[in-house]
């Protein structure tokens, strides 16, 4: 099992973020890393995302007709 603060987890974050068109926040990225076999704490992922300045774009609200 890889080390939780290994450089590979730091390198994977931008790839996961870009692969999902900037829609994944820290919770989904944390889940994605767990699915790939990385043992990373939630707050570690949050800190790394803030350090890399990756901002999640919320999806647009549904358009309604008047």
PDB file of N, CA and C in Angstrom:
ATOM      1  N   UNK A   1       0.847  -1.183   0.000  1.00  0.00           N
ATOM      2  CA  UNK A   1       0.000   0.000   0.000  1.00  0.00           C
ATOM      3  C   UNK A   1       0.891   1.244   0.000  1.00  0.00           C
ATOM      4  N   UNK A   2       0.647   2.187  -0.889  1.00  0.00           N
ATOM      5  CA  UNK A   2       1.474   3.401  -0.960  1.00  0.00           C
ATOM      6  C   UNK A   2       1.351   4.256   0.299  1.00  0.00           C
ATOM      7  N   UNK A   3       2.364   5.034   0.557  1.00  0.00           N
ATOM      8  CA  UNK A   3       2.360   5.943   1.700  1.00  0.00           C
ATOM      9  C   UNK A   3       1.309   7.017   1.477  1.00  0.00           C
ATOM     10  N   UNK A   4       0.597   7.387   2.526  1.00  0.00           N
ATOM     11  CA  UNK A   4      -0.539   8.301   2.376  1.00  0.00           C
ATOM     12  C   UNK A   4      -0.153   9.699   1.916  1.00  0.00           C
ATOM     13  N   UNK A   5       1.038  10.165   2.253  1.00  0.00           N
ATOM     14  CA  UNK A   5       1.456  11.495   1.816  1.00  0.00           C
ATOM     15  C   UNK A   5       2.502  11.419   0.722  1.00  0.00           C
ATOM     16  N   UNK A   6       2.485  10.327  -0.021  1.00  0.00           N
ATOM     17  CA  UNK A   6       3.472  10.139  -1.081  1.00  0.00           C
ATOM     18  C   UNK A   6       3.300  11.152  -2.199  1.00  0.00           C
ATOM     19  N   UNK A   7       4.358  11.388  -2.955  1.00  0.00           N
ATOM     20  CA  UNK A   7       4.283  12.357  -4.049  1.00  0.00           C
ATOM     21  C   UNK A   7       3.333  11.925  -5.155  1.00  0.00           C
ATOM     22  N   UNK A   8       3.098  10.622  -5.278  1.00  0.00           N
ATOM     23  CA  UNK A   8       2.200  10.160  -6.337  1.00  0.00           C
ATOM     24  C   UNK A   8       0.774  10.653  -6.114  1.00  0.00           C
ATOM     25  N   UNK A   9       0.327  10.672  -4.847  1.00  0.00           N
ATOM     26  CA  UNK A   9      -1.030  11.166  -4.588  1.00  0.00           C
ATOM     27  C   UNK A   9      -1.127  12.651  -4.913  1.00  0.00           C
ATOM     28  N   UNK A  10      -0.032  13.384  -4.681  1.00  0.00           N
ATOM     29  CA  UNK A  10       0.004  14.806  -5.013  1.00  0.00           C
ATOM     30  C   UNK A  10      -0.052  15.004  -6.521  1.00  0.00           C
ATOM     31  N   UNK A  11       0.578  14.099  -7.261  1.00  0.00           N
ATOM     32  CA  UNK A  11       0.589  14.195  -8.728  1.00  0.00           C
ATOM     33  C   UNK A  11      -0.723  13.724  -9.344  1.00  0.00           C
ATOM     34  N   UNK A  12      -1.457  12.869  -8.660  1.00  0.00           N
ATOM     35  CA  UNK A  12      -2.706  12.348  -9.208  1.00  0.00           C
ATOM     36  C   UNK A  12      -3.861  13.334  -9.127  1.00  0.00           C
ATOM     37  N   UNK A  13      -3.818  14.247  -8.171  1.00  0.00           N
ATOM     38  CA  UNK A  13      -4.953  15.160  -7.968  1.00  0.00           C
ATOM     39  C   UNK A  13      -5.302  15.984  -9.207  1.00  0.00           C
ATOM     40  N   UNK A  14      -4.346  16.669  -9.849  1.00  0.00           N
ATOM     41  CA  UNK A  14      -4.723  17.445 -11.031  1.00  0.00           C
ATOM     42  C   UNK A  14      -5.269  16.575 -12.162  1.00  0.00           C
ATOM     43  N   UNK A  15      -4.750  15.354 -12.294  1.00  0.00           N
ATOM     44  CA  UNK A  15      -5.244  14.453 -13.335  1.00  0.00           C
ATOM     45  C   UNK A  15      -6.683  14.056 -13.113  1.00  0.00           C
ATOM     46  N   UNK A  16      -7.024  13.701 -11.879  1.00  0.00           N
ATOM     47  CA  UNK A  16      -8.406  13.336 -11.550  1.00  0.00           C
ATOM     48  C   UNK A  16      -9.315  14.537 -11.742  1.00  0.00           C
ATOM     49  N   UNK A  17      -8.840  15.707 -11.335  1.00  0.00           N
ATOM     50  CA  UNK A  17      -9.631  16.935 -11.454  1.00  0.00           C
ATOM     51  C   UNK A  17      -9.913  17.256 -12.927  1.00  0.00           C
ATOM     52  N   UNK A  18      -8.882  17.184 -13.773  1.00  0.00           N
ATOM     53  CA  UNK A  18      -9.048  17.511 -15.196  1.00  0.00           C
ATOM     54  C   UNK A  18      -9.856  16.463 -15.931  1.00  0.00           C
ATOM     55  N   UNK A  19      -9.677  15.198 -15.547  1.00  0.00           N
ATOM     56  CA  UNK A  19     -10.406  14.118 -16.204  1.00  0.00           C
ATOM     57  C   UNK A  19     -11.916  14.290 -16.044  1.00  0.00           C
ATOM     58  N   UNK A  20     -12.309  14.899 -14.943  1.00  0.00           N
ATOM     59  CA  UNK A  20     -13.730  15.106 -14.660  1.00  0.00           C
ATOM     60  C   UNK A  20     -14.169  16.541 -14.922  1.00  0.00           C
ATOM     61  N   UNK A  21     -13.425  17.230 -15.766  1.00  0.00           N
ATOM     62  CA  UNK A  21     -13.772  18.577 -16.249  1.00  0.00           C
ATOM     63  C   UNK A  21     -13.943  19.587 -15.126  1.00  0.00           C
ATOM     64  N   UNK A  22     -13.178  19.441 -14.056  1.00  0.00           N
ATOM     65  CA  UNK A  22     -13.222  20.405 -12.955  1.00  0.00           C
ATOM     66  C   UNK A  22     -14.486  20.352 -12.122  1.00  0.00           C
ATOM     67  N   UNK A  23     -15.220  19.253 -12.208  1.00  0.00           N
ATOM     68  CA  UNK A  23     -16.486  19.126 -11.472  1.00  0.00           C
ATOM     69  C   UNK A  23     -16.332  18.406 -10.145  1.00  0.00           C
ATOM     70  N   UNK A  24     -15.213  17.717  -9.943  1.00  0.00           N
ATOM     71  CA  UNK A  24     -15.017  16.963  -8.711  1.00  0.00           C
ATOM     72  C   UNK A  24     -14.434  17.842  -7.622  1.00  0.00           C
ATOM     73  N   UNK A  25     -15.036  17.807  -6.458  1.00  0.00           N
ATOM     74  CA  UNK A  25     -14.509  18.505  -5.297  1.00  0.00           C
ATOM     75  C   UNK A  25     -13.658  17.561  -4.456  1.00  0.00           C
ATOM     76  N   UNK A  26     -13.307  17.989  -3.257  1.00  0.00           N
ATOM     77  CA  UNK A  26     -12.404  17.193  -2.433  1.00  0.00           C
ATOM     78  C   UNK A  26     -13.018  15.864  -1.992  1.00  0.00           C
ATOM     79  N   UNK A  27     -14.318  15.816  -1.826  1.00  0.00           N
ATOM     80  CA  UNK A  27     -14.946  14.561  -1.392  1.00  0.00           C
ATOM     81  C   UNK A  27     -14.881  13.496  -2.479  1.00  0.00           C
ATOM     82  N   UNK A  28     -15.213  13.883  -3.697  1.00  0.00           N
ATOM     83  CA  UNK A  28     -15.189  12.921  -4.799  1.00  0.00           C
ATOM     84  C   UNK A  28     -13.759  12.521  -5.161  1.00  0.00           C
ATOM     85  N   UNK A  29     -12.829  13.466  -5.097  1.00  0.00           N
ATOM     86  CA  UNK A  29     -11.434  13.142  -5.389  1.00  0.00           C
ATOM     87  C   UNK A  29     -10.898  12.194  -4.327  1.00  0.00           C
ATOM     88  N   UNK A  30     -11.268  12.398  -3.063  1.00  0.00           N
ATOM     89  CA  UNK A  30     -10.860  11.496  -1.992  1.00  0.00           C
ATOM     90  C   UNK A  30     -11.386  10.087  -2.257  1.00  0.00           C
ATOM     91  N   UNK A  31     -12.641   9.970  -2.653  1.00  0.00           N
ATOM     92  CA  UNK A  31     -13.226   8.669  -2.963  1.00  0.00           C
ATOM     93  C   UNK A  31     -12.515   8.026  -4.145  1.00  0.00           C
ATOM     94  N   UNK A  32     -12.196   8.809  -5.150  1.00  0.00           N
ATOM     95  CA  UNK A  32     -11.488   8.299  -6.329  1.00  0.00           C
ATOM     96  C   UNK A  32     -10.108   7.767  -5.947  1.00  0.00           C
ATOM     97  N   UNK A  33      -9.399   8.469  -5.082  1.00  0.00           N
ATOM     98  CA  UNK A  33      -8.088   8.002  -4.624  1.00  0.00           C
ATOM     99  C   UNK A  33      -8.218   6.705  -3.822  1.00  0.00           C
ATOM    100  N   UNK A  34      -9.248   6.606  -2.986  1.00  0.00           N
ATOM    101  CA  UNK A  34      -9.474   5.364  -2.239  1.00  0.00           C
ATOM    102  C   UNK A  34      -9.753   4.207  -3.185  1.00  0.00           C
ATOM    103  N   UNK A  35     -10.523   4.457  -4.240  1.00  0.00           N
ATOM    104  CA  UNK A  35     -10.820   3.410  -5.219  1.00  0.00           C
ATOM    105  C   UNK A  35      -9.566   2.962  -5.967  1.00  0.00           C
ATOM    106  N   UNK A  36      -8.596   3.860  -6.118  1.00  0.00           N
ATOM    107  CA  UNK A  36      -7.344   3.523  -6.796  1.00  0.00           C
ATOM    108  C   UNK A  36      -6.344   2.867  -5.849  1.00  0.00           C
ATOM    109  N   UNK A  37      -6.683   2.748  -4.565  1.00  0.00           N
ATOM    110  CA  UNK A  37      -5.826   2.061  -3.617  1.00  0.00           C
ATOM    111  C   UNK A  37      -4.946   2.953  -2.766  1.00  0.00           C
ATOM    112  N   UNK A  38      -5.158   4.259  -2.812  1.00  0.00           N
ATOM    113  CA  UNK A  38      -4.363   5.186  -2.005  1.00  0.00           C
ATOM    114  C   UNK A  38      -5.021   5.386  -0.654  1.00  0.00           C
ATOM    115  N   UNK A  39      -4.232   5.370   0.399  1.00  0.00           N
ATOM    116  CA  UNK A  39      -4.730   5.612   1.753  1.00  0.00           C
ATOM    117  C   UNK A  39      -4.436   7.060   2.106  1.00  0.00           C
ATOM    118  N   UNK A  40      -5.389   7.933   1.809  1.00  0.00           N
ATOM    119  CA  UNK A  40      -5.209   9.371   2.021  1.00  0.00           C
ATOM    120  C   UNK A  40      -6.351   9.875   2.883  1.00  0.00           C
ATOM    121  N   UNK A  41      -6.036  10.717   3.858  1.00  0.00           N
ATOM    122  CA  UNK A  41      -7.062  11.299   4.718  1.00  0.00           C
ATOM    123  C   UNK A  41      -7.843  12.376   3.959  1.00  0.00           C
ATOM    124  N   UNK A  42      -9.081  12.585   4.362  1.00  0.00           N
ATOM    125  CA  UNK A  42      -9.927  13.586   3.709  1.00  0.00           C
ATOM    126  C   UNK A  42      -9.315  14.977   3.800  1.00  0.00           C
ATOM    127  N   UNK A  43      -8.817  15.319   4.983  1.00  0.00           N
ATOM    128  CA  UNK A  43      -8.268  16.663   5.165  1.00  0.00           C
ATOM    129  C   UNK A  43      -6.966  16.850   4.394  1.00  0.00           C
ATOM    130  N   UNK A  44      -6.228  15.771   4.177  1.00  0.00           N
ATOM    131  CA  UNK A  44      -5.005  15.859   3.380  1.00  0.00           C
ATOM    132  C   UNK A  44      -5.355  16.205   1.944  1.00  0.00           C
ATOM    133  N   UNK A  45      -6.387  15.553   1.413  1.00  0.00           N
ATOM    134  CA  UNK A  45      -6.837  15.850   0.049  1.00  0.00           C
ATOM    135  C   UNK A  45      -7.312  17.294  -0.041  1.00  0.00           C
ATOM    136  N   UNK A  46      -8.054  17.738   0.959  1.00  0.00           N
ATOM    137  CA  UNK A  46      -8.542  19.118   0.969  1.00  0.00           C
ATOM    138  C   UNK A  46      -7.382  20.105   0.982  1.00  0.00           C
ATOM    139  N   UNK A  47      -6.365  19.848   1.816  1.00  0.00           N
ATOM    140  CA  UNK A  47      -5.205  20.737   1.887  1.00  0.00           C
ATOM    141  C   UNK A  47      -4.441  20.763   0.575  1.00  0.00           C
ATOM    142  N   UNK A  48      -4.284  19.598  -0.063  1.00  0.00           N
ATOM    143  CA  UNK A  48      -3.569  19.541  -1.342  1.00  0.00           C
ATOM    144  C   UNK A  48      -4.326  20.282  -2.438  1.00  0.00           C
ATOM    145  N   UNK A  49      -5.645  20.154  -2.437  1.00  0.00           N
ATOM    146  CA  UNK A  49      -6.455  20.845  -3.447  1.00  0.00           C
ATOM    147  C   UNK A  49      -6.358  22.355  -3.255  1.00  0.00           C
ATOM    148  N   UNK A  50      -6.366  22.789  -2.008  1.00  0.00           N
ATOM    149  CA  UNK A  50      -6.219  24.225  -1.745  1.00  0.00           C
ATOM    150  C   UNK A  50      -4.831  24.709  -2.141  1.00  0.00           C
ATOM    151  N   UNK A  51      -3.798  23.891  -1.895  1.00  0.00           N
ATOM    152  CA  UNK A  51      -2.431  24.274  -2.247  1.00  0.00           C
ATOM    153  C   UNK A  51      -2.266  24.368  -3.759  1.00  0.00           C
ATOM    154  N   UNK A  52      -2.951  23.493  -4.496  1.00  0.00           N
ATOM    155  CA  UNK A  52      -2.877  23.516  -5.959  1.00  0.00           C
ATOM    156  C   UNK A  52      -3.848  24.518  -6.575  1.00  0.00           C
ATOM    157  N   UNK A  53      -4.688  25.129  -5.742  1.00  0.00           N
ATOM    158  CA  UNK A  53      -5.681  26.112  -6.181  1.00  0.00           C
ATOM    159  C   UNK A  53      -6.630  25.534  -7.237  1.00  0.00           C
ATOM    160  N   UNK A  54      -7.116  24.325  -6.983  1.00  0.00           N
ATOM    161  CA  UNK A  54      -8.086  23.701  -7.873  1.00  0.00           C
ATOM    162  C   UNK A  54      -9.478  23.997  -7.335  1.00  0.00           C
ATOM    163  N   UNK A  55     -10.242  24.786  -8.065  1.00  0.00           N
ATOM    164  CA  UNK A  55     -11.578  25.172  -7.630  1.00  0.00           C
ATOM    165  C   UNK A  55     -12.622  24.404  -8.433  1.00  0.00           C
ATOM    166  N   UNK A  56     -13.512  23.775  -7.724  1.00  0.00           N
ATOM    167  CA  UNK A  56     -14.588  23.017  -8.336  1.00  0.00           C
ATOM    168  C   UNK A  56     -15.614  23.975  -8.937  1.00  0.00           C
ATOM    169  N   UNK A  57     -16.051  23.687 -10.165  1.00  0.00           N
ATOM    170  CA  UNK A  57     -17.083  24.494 -10.808  1.00  0.00           C
ATOM    171  C   UNK A  57     -18.428  23.824 -10.559  1.00  0.00           C
ATOM    172  N   UNK A  58     -19.326  24.488  -9.863  1.00  0.00           N
ATOM    173  CA  UNK A  58     -20.638  23.871  -9.647  1.00  0.00           C
ATOM    174  C   UNK A  58     -21.394  23.768 -10.965  1.00  0.00           C
ATOM    175  N   UNK A  59     -22.206  22.742 -11.089  1.00  0.00           N
ATOM    176  CA  UNK A  59     -22.988  22.585 -12.310  1.00  0.00           C
ATOM    177  C   UNK A  59     -24.047  23.681 -12.375  1.00  0.00           C
ATOM    178  N   UNK A  60     -24.426  24.019 -13.583  1.00  0.00           N
ATOM    179  CA  UNK A  60     -25.403  25.083 -13.796  1.00  0.00           C
ATOM    180  C   UNK A  60     -26.784  24.625 -13.318  1.00  0.00           C
ATOM    181  N   UNK A  61     -27.555  25.536 -12.741  1.00  0.00           N
ATOM    182  CA  UNK A  61     -28.907  25.148 -12.323  1.00  0.00           C
ATOM    183  C   UNK A  61     -29.765  24.840 -13.551  1.00  0.00           C
ATOM    184  N   UNK A  62     -30.766  23.989 -13.404  1.00  0.00           N
ATOM    185  CA  UNK A  62     -31.610  23.673 -14.554  1.00  0.00           C
ATOM    186  C   UNK A  62     -32.365  24.902 -15.045  1.00  0.00           C
ATOM    187  N   UNK A  63     -32.451  25.018 -16.338  1.00  0.00           N
ATOM    188  CA  UNK A  63     -33.177  26.154 -16.920  1.00  0.00           C
ATOM    189  C   UNK A  63     -34.666  25.862 -16.886  1.00  0.00           C
ATOM    190  N   UNK A  64     -35.433  26.832 -16.475  1.00  0.00           N
ATOM    191  CA  UNK A  64     -36.882  26.669 -16.419  1.00  0.00           C
ATOM    192  C   UNK A  64     -37.534  27.660 -17.377  1.00  0.00           C
ATOM    193  N   UNK A  65     -38.671  27.329 -17.827  1.00  0.00           N
ATOM    194  CA  UNK A  65     -39.403  28.219 -18.731  1.00  0.00           C
ATOM    195  C   UNK A  65     -40.415  29.024 -17.930  1.00  0.00           C
ATOM    196  N   UNK A  66     -40.647  30.195 -18.398  1.00  0.00           N
ATOM    197  CA  UNK A  66     -41.643  31.047 -17.743  1.00  0.00           C
ATOM    198  C   UNK A  66     -43.014  30.840 -18.290  1.00  0.00           C
TER     199      UNK A  66
END
